[in-house]
Amino acid sequence: MFAKFSNKLYQALMFGACLAMVAAFVSIGLGVIAREAGWNIQGLDAYAGYSIAAALFLALPSTLKQGDHIRVTLISQRLSERSRRLLEHFCLFAGTALAGYIAYFACRLVWISRTTHDVSQGADATPLWIPQLFMAIGALGFLVAFIDAWLHHVRRDAYYVVSDEAARVE
């Protein structure tokens, strides 16, 4: 049941990341066209930055699930199976704790920005809680992904597959 929920969550967040990348592309493209046409559209650079940050955070859970985060296996390759499992257990626990820390403070940042009516310093004066909300949602999804990975590890189920292709140097 949790696996179905988490997989749907990862897909929804990845869809949001795709939309954010399209928004960044549109903002940058519109900015280029506006400069060439001599128009002055306030805040396009900021909106492109917000969109890229949203795409980055919203894509975190899916990239963990797909095994696309950087993994350093130099030490773990040389360990026994038991030691490798203990190292993986520790790393997943530490990753879960770090993701929880990031999610807590991302949500706290949204709350503070919302309650203090904090706005961007640019001419667009965007309420900062709006772009920060996507960061918080992505961080919460990343926390769910780490909890999911840790639970799979404890149950000795496969969570993600790390291919040997990542270890090759061309």
N, C-alpha and C. Protein backbone atom coordinates (compact mmCIF):
# COMPACT_ATOMS: atom_id res chain seq x y z
N MET A 1 0.82 -1.19 0.00
CA MET A 1 0.00 0.00 0.00
C MET A 1 0.87 1.26 0.00
N PHE A 2 1.87 1.30 0.89
CA PHE A 2 2.77 2.45 0.93
C PHE A 2 3.56 2.55 -0.37
N ALA A 3 3.92 1.40 -0.95
CA ALA A 3 4.68 1.42 -2.21
C ALA A 3 3.86 2.04 -3.33
N LYS A 4 2.58 1.73 -3.41
CA LYS A 4 1.72 2.32 -4.44
C LYS A 4 1.62 3.83 -4.25
N PHE A 5 1.40 4.24 -2.99
CA PHE A 5 1.31 5.67 -2.69
C PHE A 5 2.61 6.38 -3.04
N SER A 6 3.72 5.81 -2.61
CA SER A 6 5.00 6.48 -2.85
C SER A 6 5.33 6.55 -4.34
N ASN A 7 5.04 5.49 -5.08
CA ASN A 7 5.32 5.53 -6.52
C ASN A 7 4.46 6.58 -7.22
N LYS A 8 3.19 6.70 -6.83
CA LYS A 8 2.32 7.75 -7.39
C LYS A 8 2.83 9.13 -7.01
N LEU A 9 3.29 9.26 -5.78
CA LEU A 9 3.85 10.53 -5.33
C LEU A 9 5.07 10.91 -6.14
N TYR A 10 5.98 9.95 -6.36
CA TYR A 10 7.19 10.23 -7.13
C TYR A 10 6.83 10.64 -8.56
N GLN A 11 5.85 9.96 -9.15
CA GLN A 11 5.43 10.31 -10.51
C GLN A 11 4.82 11.71 -10.56
N ALA A 12 4.00 12.04 -9.58
CA ALA A 12 3.38 13.37 -9.55
C ALA A 12 4.44 14.46 -9.37
N LEU A 13 5.40 14.20 -8.50
CA LEU A 13 6.45 15.20 -8.29
C LEU A 13 7.34 15.33 -9.52
N MET A 14 7.59 14.22 -10.21
CA MET A 14 8.40 14.30 -11.44
C MET A 14 7.63 15.05 -12.52
N PHE A 15 6.33 14.86 -12.59
CA PHE A 15 5.52 15.62 -13.54
C PHE A 15 5.60 17.11 -13.21
N GLY A 16 5.54 17.44 -11.92
CA GLY A 16 5.71 18.83 -11.50
C GLY A 16 7.08 19.38 -11.88
N ALA A 17 8.10 18.55 -11.75
CA ALA A 17 9.46 18.97 -12.14
C ALA A 17 9.53 19.24 -13.64
N CYS A 18 8.86 18.40 -14.42
CA CYS A 18 8.82 18.62 -15.87
C CYS A 18 8.12 19.93 -16.20
N LEU A 19 7.00 20.19 -15.54
CA LEU A 19 6.29 21.46 -15.76
C LEU A 19 7.16 22.65 -15.37
N ALA A 20 7.91 22.49 -14.28
CA ALA A 20 8.80 23.57 -13.84
C ALA A 20 9.91 23.82 -14.85
N MET A 21 10.43 22.76 -15.46
CA MET A 21 11.46 22.95 -16.49
C MET A 21 10.88 23.65 -17.72
N VAL A 22 9.66 23.31 -18.08
CA VAL A 22 9.00 24.00 -19.20
C VAL A 22 8.80 25.47 -18.84
N ALA A 23 8.40 25.75 -17.61
CA ALA A 23 8.22 27.13 -17.17
C ALA A 23 9.54 27.90 -17.22
N ALA A 24 10.63 27.24 -16.83
CA ALA A 24 11.95 27.88 -16.90
C ALA A 24 12.32 28.17 -18.35
N PHE A 25 12.06 27.22 -19.23
CA PHE A 25 12.35 27.40 -20.65
C PHE A 25 11.55 28.57 -21.22
N VAL A 26 10.27 28.63 -20.88
CA VAL A 26 9.41 29.71 -21.38
C VAL A 26 9.88 31.06 -20.83
N SER A 27 10.22 31.10 -19.55
CA SER A 27 10.69 32.36 -18.95
C SER A 27 11.97 32.85 -19.61
N ILE A 28 12.90 31.94 -19.82
CA ILE A 28 14.17 32.32 -20.45
C ILE A 28 13.95 32.72 -21.90
N GLY A 29 13.15 31.92 -22.62
CA GLY A 29 12.86 32.25 -24.01
C GLY A 29 12.15 33.58 -24.16
N LEU A 30 11.17 33.82 -23.30
CA LEU A 30 10.45 35.09 -23.33
C LEU A 30 11.39 36.25 -23.00
N GLY A 31 12.31 36.02 -22.07
CA GLY A 31 13.28 37.06 -21.73
C GLY A 31 14.18 37.41 -22.91
N VAL A 32 14.61 36.40 -23.66
CA VAL A 32 15.44 36.63 -24.85
C VAL A 32 14.66 37.42 -25.89
N ILE A 33 13.44 36.98 -26.15
CA ILE A 33 12.59 37.67 -27.13
C ILE A 33 12.31 39.10 -26.69
N ALA A 34 12.02 39.28 -25.40
CA ALA A 34 11.72 40.62 -24.88
C ALA A 34 12.92 41.55 -25.03
N ARG A 35 14.11 41.06 -24.76
CA ARG A 35 15.30 41.91 -24.90
C ARG A 35 15.53 42.31 -26.36
N GLU A 36 15.32 41.37 -27.26
CA GLU A 36 15.49 41.66 -28.69
C GLU A 36 14.44 42.65 -29.19
N ALA A 37 13.24 42.58 -28.63
CA ALA A 37 12.15 43.46 -29.06
C ALA A 37 12.17 44.80 -28.32
N GLY A 38 13.05 44.92 -27.33
CA GLY A 38 13.14 46.17 -26.57
C GLY A 38 12.09 46.29 -25.48
N TRP A 39 11.46 45.19 -25.10
CA TRP A 39 10.45 45.22 -24.04
C TRP A 39 11.14 45.03 -22.69
N ASN A 40 10.49 45.51 -21.66
CA ASN A 40 11.01 45.33 -20.31
C ASN A 40 9.96 44.57 -19.50
N ILE A 41 10.16 43.26 -19.37
CA ILE A 41 9.25 42.44 -18.57
C ILE A 41 9.95 42.14 -17.25
N GLN A 42 9.40 42.69 -16.18
CA GLN A 42 10.02 42.57 -14.86
C GLN A 42 9.93 41.15 -14.33
N GLY A 43 10.99 40.67 -13.72
CA GLY A 43 10.97 39.42 -12.96
C GLY A 43 11.19 38.14 -13.73
N LEU A 44 11.42 38.20 -15.05
CA LEU A 44 11.57 36.96 -15.81
C LEU A 44 12.77 36.13 -15.33
N ASP A 45 13.87 36.79 -15.04
CA ASP A 45 15.04 36.06 -14.55
C ASP A 45 14.75 35.38 -13.21
N ALA A 46 14.03 36.08 -12.35
CA ALA A 46 13.68 35.50 -11.05
C ALA A 46 12.76 34.30 -11.24
N TYR A 47 11.77 34.42 -12.14
CA TYR A 47 10.85 33.31 -12.37
C TYR A 47 11.56 32.11 -12.97
N ALA A 48 12.54 32.34 -13.83
CA ALA A 48 13.33 31.24 -14.37
C ALA A 48 14.10 30.55 -13.24
N GLY A 49 14.67 31.33 -12.35
CA GLY A 49 15.38 30.76 -11.20
C GLY A 49 14.47 29.99 -10.28
N TYR A 50 13.29 30.53 -10.01
CA TYR A 50 12.32 29.82 -9.17
C TYR A 50 11.93 28.50 -9.81
N SER A 51 11.73 28.52 -11.12
CA SER A 51 11.31 27.31 -11.83
C SER A 51 12.40 26.25 -11.81
N ILE A 52 13.64 26.66 -11.99
CA ILE A 52 14.75 25.70 -11.98
C ILE A 52 14.91 25.10 -10.58
N ALA A 53 14.79 25.93 -9.55
CA ALA A 53 14.88 25.42 -8.18
C ALA A 53 13.73 24.45 -7.89
N ALA A 54 12.54 24.78 -8.37
CA ALA A 54 11.39 23.89 -8.17
C ALA A 54 11.63 22.56 -8.88
N ALA A 55 12.14 22.61 -10.10
CA ALA A 55 12.41 21.38 -10.85
C ALA A 55 13.43 20.52 -10.11
N LEU A 56 14.45 21.14 -9.59
CA LEU A 56 15.49 20.40 -8.87
C LEU A 56 14.91 19.68 -7.65
N PHE A 57 14.18 20.40 -6.83
CA PHE A 57 13.65 19.79 -5.61
C PHE A 57 12.55 18.78 -5.90
N LEU A 58 11.68 19.06 -6.87
CA LEU A 58 10.60 18.13 -7.17
C LEU A 58 11.11 16.83 -7.79
N ALA A 59 12.26 16.87 -8.42
CA ALA A 59 12.81 15.67 -9.06
C ALA A 59 13.62 14.80 -8.09
N LEU A 60 13.93 15.28 -6.91
CA LEU A 60 14.77 14.52 -5.97
C LEU A 60 14.22 13.13 -5.63
N PRO A 61 12.94 12.98 -5.31
CA PRO A 61 12.46 11.63 -4.95
C PRO A 61 12.56 10.63 -6.09
N SER A 62 12.20 11.03 -7.29
CA SER A 62 12.25 10.10 -8.42
C SER A 62 13.68 9.71 -8.76
N THR A 63 14.60 10.66 -8.65
CA THR A 63 15.98 10.32 -8.97
C THR A 63 16.56 9.37 -7.93
N LEU A 64 16.13 9.48 -6.67
CA LEU A 64 16.57 8.50 -5.67
C LEU A 64 15.99 7.13 -5.99
N LYS A 65 14.72 7.09 -6.35
CA LYS A 65 14.07 5.81 -6.67
C LYS A 65 14.71 5.15 -7.89
N GLN A 66 15.10 5.94 -8.88
CA GLN A 66 15.72 5.40 -10.09
C GLN A 66 17.20 5.07 -9.91
N GLY A 67 17.76 5.40 -8.75
CA GLY A 67 19.17 5.13 -8.51
C GLY A 67 20.09 6.09 -9.24
N ASP A 68 19.59 7.29 -9.53
CA ASP A 68 20.37 8.24 -10.31
C ASP A 68 21.18 9.22 -9.46
N HIS A 69 21.05 9.15 -8.15
CA HIS A 69 21.91 9.97 -7.31
C HIS A 69 23.31 9.37 -7.30
N ILE A 70 24.28 10.19 -7.10
CA ILE A 70 25.67 9.73 -7.10
C ILE A 70 25.90 8.83 -5.90
N ARG A 71 26.43 7.65 -6.16
CA ARG A 71 26.77 6.70 -5.11
C ARG A 71 28.26 6.39 -5.23
N VAL A 72 28.95 6.51 -4.14
CA VAL A 72 30.38 6.19 -4.12
C VAL A 72 30.50 4.77 -3.57
N THR A 73 30.85 3.85 -4.44
CA THR A 73 30.90 2.44 -4.07
C THR A 73 32.32 1.93 -3.91
N LEU A 74 33.28 2.83 -3.90
CA LEU A 74 34.68 2.44 -3.81
C LEU A 74 34.94 1.61 -2.55
N ILE A 75 34.37 2.00 -1.44
CA ILE A 75 34.59 1.27 -0.18
C ILE A 75 33.63 0.08 -0.09
N SER A 76 32.36 0.29 -0.41
CA SER A 76 31.38 -0.78 -0.21
C SER A 76 31.63 -2.00 -1.09
N GLN A 77 32.27 -1.82 -2.24
CA GLN A 77 32.59 -2.95 -3.11
C GLN A 77 33.56 -3.92 -2.46
N ARG A 78 34.38 -3.41 -1.57
CA ARG A 78 35.42 -4.22 -0.95
C ARG A 78 35.01 -4.83 0.39
N LEU A 79 33.78 -4.56 0.82
CA LEU A 79 33.32 -5.06 2.10
C LEU A 79 32.60 -6.40 1.96
N SER A 80 32.52 -7.11 3.07
CA SER A 80 31.73 -8.34 3.08
C SER A 80 30.25 -7.98 2.96
N GLU A 81 29.43 -8.97 2.69
CA GLU A 81 27.99 -8.73 2.52
C GLU A 81 27.38 -8.12 3.79
N ARG A 82 27.75 -8.66 4.94
CA ARG A 82 27.22 -8.14 6.20
C ARG A 82 27.66 -6.70 6.44
N SER A 83 28.93 -6.42 6.22
CA SER A 83 29.44 -5.06 6.41
C SER A 83 28.81 -4.09 5.41
N ARG A 84 28.60 -4.57 4.19
CA ARG A 84 27.97 -3.73 3.17
C ARG A 84 26.54 -3.37 3.57
N ARG A 85 25.81 -4.36 4.13
CA ARG A 85 24.44 -4.09 4.58
C ARG A 85 24.42 -3.10 5.73
N LEU A 86 25.38 -3.23 6.66
CA LEU A 86 25.46 -2.28 7.78
C LEU A 86 25.79 -0.88 7.29
N LEU A 87 26.72 -0.78 6.34
CA LEU A 87 27.07 0.52 5.78
C LEU A 87 25.87 1.13 5.05
N GLU A 88 25.17 0.32 4.27
CA GLU A 88 23.98 0.79 3.55
C GLU A 88 22.90 1.22 4.54
N HIS A 89 22.72 0.45 5.61
CA HIS A 89 21.75 0.79 6.65
C HIS A 89 22.10 2.14 7.27
N PHE A 90 23.37 2.33 7.62
CA PHE A 90 23.81 3.59 8.21
C PHE A 90 23.60 4.75 7.23
N CYS A 91 23.97 4.55 5.97
CA CYS A 91 23.84 5.62 4.97
C CYS A 91 22.38 6.00 4.74
N LEU A 92 21.50 5.00 4.69
CA LEU A 92 20.07 5.29 4.52
C LEU A 92 19.50 5.99 5.74
N PHE A 93 19.95 5.59 6.92
CA PHE A 93 19.51 6.28 8.14
C PHE A 93 19.99 7.72 8.13
N ALA A 94 21.27 7.92 7.80
CA ALA A 94 21.82 9.28 7.76
C ALA A 94 21.13 10.11 6.68
N GLY A 95 20.86 9.52 5.53
CA GLY A 95 20.15 10.22 4.46
C GLY A 95 18.74 10.59 4.88
N THR A 96 18.06 9.69 5.58
CA THR A 96 16.72 9.97 6.07
C THR A 96 16.75 11.12 7.07
N ALA A 97 17.72 11.08 7.97
CA ALA A 97 17.84 12.15 8.96
C ALA A 97 18.13 13.49 8.29
N LEU A 98 19.03 13.49 7.33
CA LEU A 98 19.37 14.73 6.62
C LEU A 98 18.18 15.24 5.80
N ALA A 99 17.47 14.33 5.12
CA ALA A 99 16.29 14.73 4.35
C ALA A 99 15.21 15.28 5.28
N GLY A 100 15.06 14.69 6.46
CA GLY A 100 14.10 15.20 7.44
C GLY A 100 14.48 16.59 7.92
N TYR A 101 15.76 16.81 8.15
CA TYR A 101 16.27 18.12 8.56
C TYR A 101 15.98 19.16 7.49
N ILE A 102 16.28 18.82 6.24
CA ILE A 102 16.04 19.74 5.13
C ILE A 102 14.54 20.01 4.98
N ALA A 103 13.71 18.96 5.05
CA ALA A 103 12.26 19.13 4.91
C ALA A 103 11.70 20.00 6.03
N TYR A 104 12.16 19.78 7.25
CA TYR A 104 11.67 20.58 8.38
C TYR A 104 11.98 22.06 8.16
N PHE A 105 13.22 22.36 7.82
CA PHE A 105 13.59 23.76 7.67
C PHE A 105 13.04 24.38 6.39
N ALA A 106 12.80 23.59 5.36
CA ALA A 106 12.15 24.12 4.15
C ALA A 106 10.71 24.49 4.46
N CYS A 107 10.01 23.63 5.21
CA CYS A 107 8.63 23.94 5.59
C CYS A 107 8.58 25.13 6.55
N ARG A 108 9.53 25.19 7.43
CA ARG A 108 9.62 26.32 8.37
C ARG A 108 9.86 27.62 7.62
N LEU A 109 10.72 27.57 6.60
CA LEU A 109 11.00 28.76 5.80
C LEU A 109 9.74 29.25 5.09
N VAL A 110 8.95 28.32 4.55
CA VAL A 110 7.69 28.70 3.90
C VAL A 110 6.77 29.38 4.91
N TRP A 111 6.67 28.77 6.09
CA TRP A 111 5.80 29.32 7.11
C TRP A 111 6.23 30.73 7.52
N ILE A 112 7.52 30.91 7.74
CA ILE A 112 8.02 32.23 8.16
C ILE A 112 7.80 33.26 7.05
N SER A 113 8.10 32.88 5.82
CA SER A 113 7.90 33.81 4.70
C SER A 113 6.43 34.18 4.54
N ARG A 114 5.56 33.22 4.77
CA ARG A 114 4.12 33.48 4.64
C ARG A 114 3.63 34.39 5.75
N THR A 115 4.05 34.12 6.97
CA THR A 115 3.54 34.91 8.10
C THR A 115 4.14 36.31 8.15
N THR A 116 5.36 36.47 7.65
CA THR A 116 5.99 37.80 7.66
C THR A 116 5.76 38.56 6.36
N HIS A 117 5.04 37.97 5.42
CA HIS A 117 4.75 38.60 4.13
C HIS A 117 6.04 39.01 3.41
N ASP A 118 7.01 38.10 3.42
CA ASP A 118 8.30 38.35 2.77
C ASP A 118 8.13 38.29 1.26
N VAL A 119 8.70 39.27 0.56
CA VAL A 119 8.62 39.32 -0.90
C VAL A 119 10.03 39.41 -1.46
N SER A 120 10.16 39.04 -2.74
CA SER A 120 11.46 39.12 -3.39
C SER A 120 11.90 40.57 -3.51
N GLN A 121 13.19 40.78 -3.60
CA GLN A 121 13.73 42.14 -3.66
C GLN A 121 13.68 42.73 -5.05
N GLY A 122 13.35 41.90 -6.04
CA GLY A 122 13.26 42.37 -7.41
C GLY A 122 12.03 43.22 -7.64
N ALA A 123 11.91 43.74 -8.85
CA ALA A 123 10.79 44.60 -9.21
C ALA A 123 9.47 43.84 -9.23
N ASP A 124 9.54 42.51 -9.36
CA ASP A 124 8.30 41.72 -9.41
C ASP A 124 7.64 41.58 -8.05
N ALA A 125 8.40 41.69 -6.96
CA ALA A 125 7.89 41.60 -5.58
C ALA A 125 7.02 40.36 -5.37
N THR A 126 7.52 39.22 -5.80
CA THR A 126 6.81 37.95 -5.63
C THR A 126 6.81 37.55 -4.16
N PRO A 127 5.67 37.15 -3.61
CA PRO A 127 5.68 36.59 -2.25
C PRO A 127 6.56 35.34 -2.23
N LEU A 128 7.58 35.34 -1.40
CA LEU A 128 8.58 34.27 -1.44
C LEU A 128 8.06 32.91 -1.01
N TRP A 129 6.98 32.87 -0.28
CA TRP A 129 6.47 31.57 0.15
C TRP A 129 6.00 30.74 -1.04
N ILE A 130 5.65 31.37 -2.15
CA ILE A 130 5.15 30.62 -3.30
C ILE A 130 6.27 29.77 -3.93
N PRO A 131 7.43 30.35 -4.33
CA PRO A 131 8.48 29.48 -4.86
C PRO A 131 9.08 28.56 -3.79
N GLN A 132 9.09 29.02 -2.54
CA GLN A 132 9.64 28.18 -1.47
C GLN A 132 8.76 26.97 -1.20
N LEU A 133 7.49 27.08 -1.51
CA LEU A 133 6.56 25.96 -1.30
C LEU A 133 6.97 24.75 -2.14
N PHE A 134 7.43 24.98 -3.36
CA PHE A 134 7.85 23.87 -4.21
C PHE A 134 9.11 23.20 -3.66
N MET A 135 9.98 24.00 -3.07
CA MET A 135 11.17 23.43 -2.43
C MET A 135 10.75 22.56 -1.24
N ALA A 136 9.81 23.03 -0.45
CA ALA A 136 9.35 22.26 0.70
C ALA A 136 8.65 20.97 0.27
N ILE A 137 7.83 21.05 -0.76
CA ILE A 137 7.14 19.84 -1.25
C ILE A 137 8.15 18.82 -1.75
N GLY A 138 9.14 19.27 -2.50
CA GLY A 138 10.18 18.38 -2.99
C GLY A 138 10.99 17.78 -1.86
N ALA A 139 11.30 18.58 -0.84
CA ALA A 139 12.06 18.08 0.31
C ALA A 139 11.25 17.05 1.09
N LEU A 140 9.95 17.28 1.23
CA LEU A 140 9.10 16.28 1.90
C LEU A 140 9.03 14.99 1.08
N GLY A 141 8.94 15.12 -0.23
CA GLY A 141 8.96 13.94 -1.09
C GLY A 141 10.28 13.19 -0.98
N PHE A 142 11.38 13.92 -0.88
CA PHE A 142 12.70 13.31 -0.72
C PHE A 142 12.77 12.55 0.60
N LEU A 143 12.18 13.11 1.65
CA LEU A 143 12.12 12.42 2.93
C LEU A 143 11.32 11.12 2.80
N VAL A 144 10.17 11.18 2.14
CA VAL A 144 9.36 9.97 1.92
C VAL A 144 10.17 8.93 1.14
N ALA A 145 10.92 9.38 0.12
CA ALA A 145 11.72 8.46 -0.68
C ALA A 145 12.80 7.79 0.16
N PHE A 146 13.44 8.55 1.04
CA PHE A 146 14.47 7.94 1.89
C PHE A 146 13.85 6.97 2.90
N ILE A 147 12.71 7.32 3.46
CA ILE A 147 12.02 6.39 4.37
C ILE A 147 11.65 5.12 3.62
N ASP A 148 11.14 5.29 2.42
CA ASP A 148 10.78 4.15 1.57
C ASP A 148 12.00 3.27 1.29
N ALA A 149 13.11 3.89 0.92
CA ALA A 149 14.34 3.14 0.64
C ALA A 149 14.82 2.42 1.89
N TRP A 150 14.75 3.09 3.03
CA TRP A 150 15.21 2.48 4.29
C TRP A 150 14.32 1.30 4.67
N LEU A 151 13.00 1.45 4.49
CA LEU A 151 12.08 0.33 4.79
C LEU A 151 12.32 -0.85 3.86
N HIS A 152 12.58 -0.57 2.59
CA HIS A 152 12.91 -1.66 1.66
C HIS A 152 14.20 -2.36 2.09
N HIS A 153 15.18 -1.58 2.53
CA HIS A 153 16.45 -2.16 2.96
C HIS A 153 16.25 -3.05 4.19
N VAL A 154 15.45 -2.59 5.14
CA VAL A 154 15.20 -3.37 6.36
C VAL A 154 14.49 -4.68 6.01
N ARG A 155 13.56 -4.62 5.05
CA ARG A 155 12.83 -5.83 4.63
C ARG A 155 13.62 -6.67 3.63
N ARG A 156 14.80 -6.20 3.26
CA ARG A 156 15.66 -6.87 2.28
C ARG A 156 15.01 -6.95 0.90
N ASP A 157 14.21 -5.94 0.57
CA ASP A 157 13.62 -5.82 -0.76
C ASP A 157 14.48 -4.88 -1.59
N ALA A 158 14.46 -5.07 -2.89
CA ALA A 158 15.19 -4.16 -3.78
C ALA A 158 14.41 -2.86 -3.89
N TYR A 159 15.07 -1.76 -3.71
CA TYR A 159 14.44 -0.44 -3.86
C TYR A 159 14.84 0.19 -5.18
N TYR A 160 16.13 0.20 -5.43
CA TYR A 160 16.63 0.75 -6.68
C TYR A 160 17.76 -0.10 -7.18
N VAL A 161 18.02 0.01 -8.45
CA VAL A 161 19.09 -0.77 -9.07
C VAL A 161 20.17 0.20 -9.48
N VAL A 162 21.37 -0.08 -9.03
CA VAL A 162 22.52 0.73 -9.41
C VAL A 162 23.26 -0.04 -10.48
N SER A 163 23.35 0.55 -11.65
CA SER A 163 23.99 -0.14 -12.76
C SER A 163 25.50 0.05 -12.72
N ASP A 164 26.21 -0.87 -13.37
CA ASP A 164 27.65 -0.75 -13.47
C ASP A 164 28.06 0.36 -14.42
N GLU A 165 27.13 0.82 -15.25
CA GLU A 165 27.43 1.85 -16.23
C GLU A 165 27.90 3.14 -15.55
N ALA A 166 27.37 3.42 -14.35
CA ALA A 166 27.77 4.63 -13.65
C ALA A 166 29.21 4.58 -13.20
N ALA A 167 29.73 3.38 -12.99
CA ALA A 167 31.10 3.22 -12.52
C ALA A 167 32.12 3.29 -13.64
N ARG A 168 31.69 3.18 -14.88
CA ARG A 168 32.63 3.20 -16.00
C ARG A 168 33.16 4.60 -16.25
N VAL A 169 34.39 4.65 -16.61
CA VAL A 169 35.00 5.92 -16.97
C VAL A 169 35.34 5.85 -18.45
N GLU A 170 34.89 6.82 -19.18
CA GLU A 170 35.15 6.80 -20.62
C GLU A 170 36.32 7.68 -20.97
